[in-house]
Protein backbone atom coordinates (compact mmCIF):
# COMPACT_ATOMS: atom_id res chain seq x y z
CA MET A 1 19.70 15.51 3.06
CA LYS A 2 16.91 12.95 3.31
CA ASN A 3 13.65 14.09 4.91
CA VAL A 4 13.18 11.87 7.98
CA ASN A 5 9.48 12.76 8.10
CA ALA A 6 8.85 11.57 4.53
CA PRO A 7 6.47 8.59 4.25
CA VAL A 8 8.11 5.18 4.13
CA PHE A 9 5.02 3.29 2.91
CA TYR A 10 2.03 4.13 0.72
CA VAL A 11 -1.26 2.27 0.26
CA ALA A 12 -3.72 2.03 -2.62
CA GLU A 13 -7.22 0.58 -2.14
CA THR A 14 -8.72 -0.92 -5.28
CA THR A 15 -11.43 -3.35 -6.34
CA SER A 16 -9.10 -5.85 -8.07
CA ILE A 17 -5.48 -7.03 -8.07
CA LEU A 18 -4.98 -5.81 -11.63
CA PRO A 19 -2.82 -2.71 -12.09
CA CYS A 20 -4.90 0.02 -10.59
CA CYS A 21 -5.69 3.58 -11.47
CA ARG A 22 -6.11 4.77 -7.88
CA LYS A 23 -3.59 7.15 -6.36
CA ALA A 24 -1.78 5.97 -3.27
CA GLU A 25 -2.06 7.56 0.16
CA PRO A 26 0.94 7.95 2.49
CA LEU A 27 1.01 5.97 5.72
CA LYS A 28 2.51 7.14 9.02
CA ALA A 29 3.93 3.68 9.76
CA ARG A 30 7.69 3.09 9.81
CA THR A 31 7.65 -0.73 9.60
CA LEU A 32 5.86 -3.07 7.20
CA THR A 33 3.91 -4.68 10.03
CA ALA A 34 2.69 -1.29 11.24
CA ALA A 35 1.89 -0.29 7.63
CA LYS A 36 -0.29 -3.39 7.18
CA ARG A 37 -2.10 -2.65 10.42
CA GLU A 38 -2.67 1.02 9.52
CA ALA A 39 -3.83 0.18 5.99
CA SER A 40 -6.28 -2.45 7.28
CA ARG A 41 -7.72 -0.10 9.88
CA ASN A 42 -8.11 2.74 7.37
CA ALA A 43 -9.71 0.65 4.61
CA ALA A 44 -12.83 2.47 3.44
CA PHE A 45 -14.67 -0.52 2.01
CA TRP A 46 -15.00 -4.20 2.91
CA GLY A 47 -13.76 -6.62 0.26
CA THR A 48 -11.32 -4.31 -1.48
CA VAL A 49 -7.69 -5.04 -2.32
CA LEU A 50 -5.04 -3.14 -0.36
CA THR A 51 -1.58 -2.82 -1.88
CA ILE A 52 1.36 -1.37 0.05
CA GLY A 53 4.35 0.08 -1.78
CA THR A 54 7.53 1.91 -0.83
CA ALA A 55 7.36 4.71 -3.38
CA VAL A 56 5.04 6.63 -5.68
CA ASP A 57 5.65 8.11 -9.11
CA SER A 58 5.24 11.78 -10.04
CA ASP A 59 1.48 11.23 -10.54
CA GLY A 60 0.98 9.58 -7.14
CA PHE A 61 0.64 5.95 -8.27
CA LEU A 62 2.33 3.07 -6.41
CA LEU A 63 5.82 1.91 -7.30
CA ASN A 64 7.66 -1.01 -5.70
CA PRO A 65 4.68 -2.93 -4.23
CA VAL A 66 5.76 -5.07 -1.29
CA ALA A 67 2.52 -6.53 0.14
CA ARG A 68 -1.09 -7.07 -0.86
CA ARG A 69 -4.24 -8.07 1.00
CA GLY A 70 -6.80 -9.65 -1.29
CA LYS A 71 -10.56 -9.41 -1.08
CA LEU A 72 -10.98 -12.39 1.22
CA ASP A 73 -7.47 -13.47 2.21
CA GLY A 74 -4.72 -12.11 4.43
CA TRP A 75 -1.59 -10.14 3.65
CA LYS A 76 0.87 -11.68 1.19
CA ALA A 77 4.35 -10.55 0.19
CA ILE A 78 4.86 -9.49 -3.40
CA SER A 79 8.13 -10.80 -4.80
CA GLY A 80 10.06 -8.91 -7.41
CA ASP A 81 10.77 -12.10 -9.39
């Protein structure tokens, strides 16, 4: 049975858009819009890159990224193509 309290989204805050080596943190949000809002509000540093994903691997790193906010621009969808 699936755990309904399990995180739906995770966020990693890094200094660049390159593949990062920062573990992701779970978000409480249940929608992508709410996840973006929560990630933006919880950002520790100004000018960092926030990446939201839907899963993490066994080491805690993001899998399946779905959105990214760059250093100076707004949120953008990440396509799988």
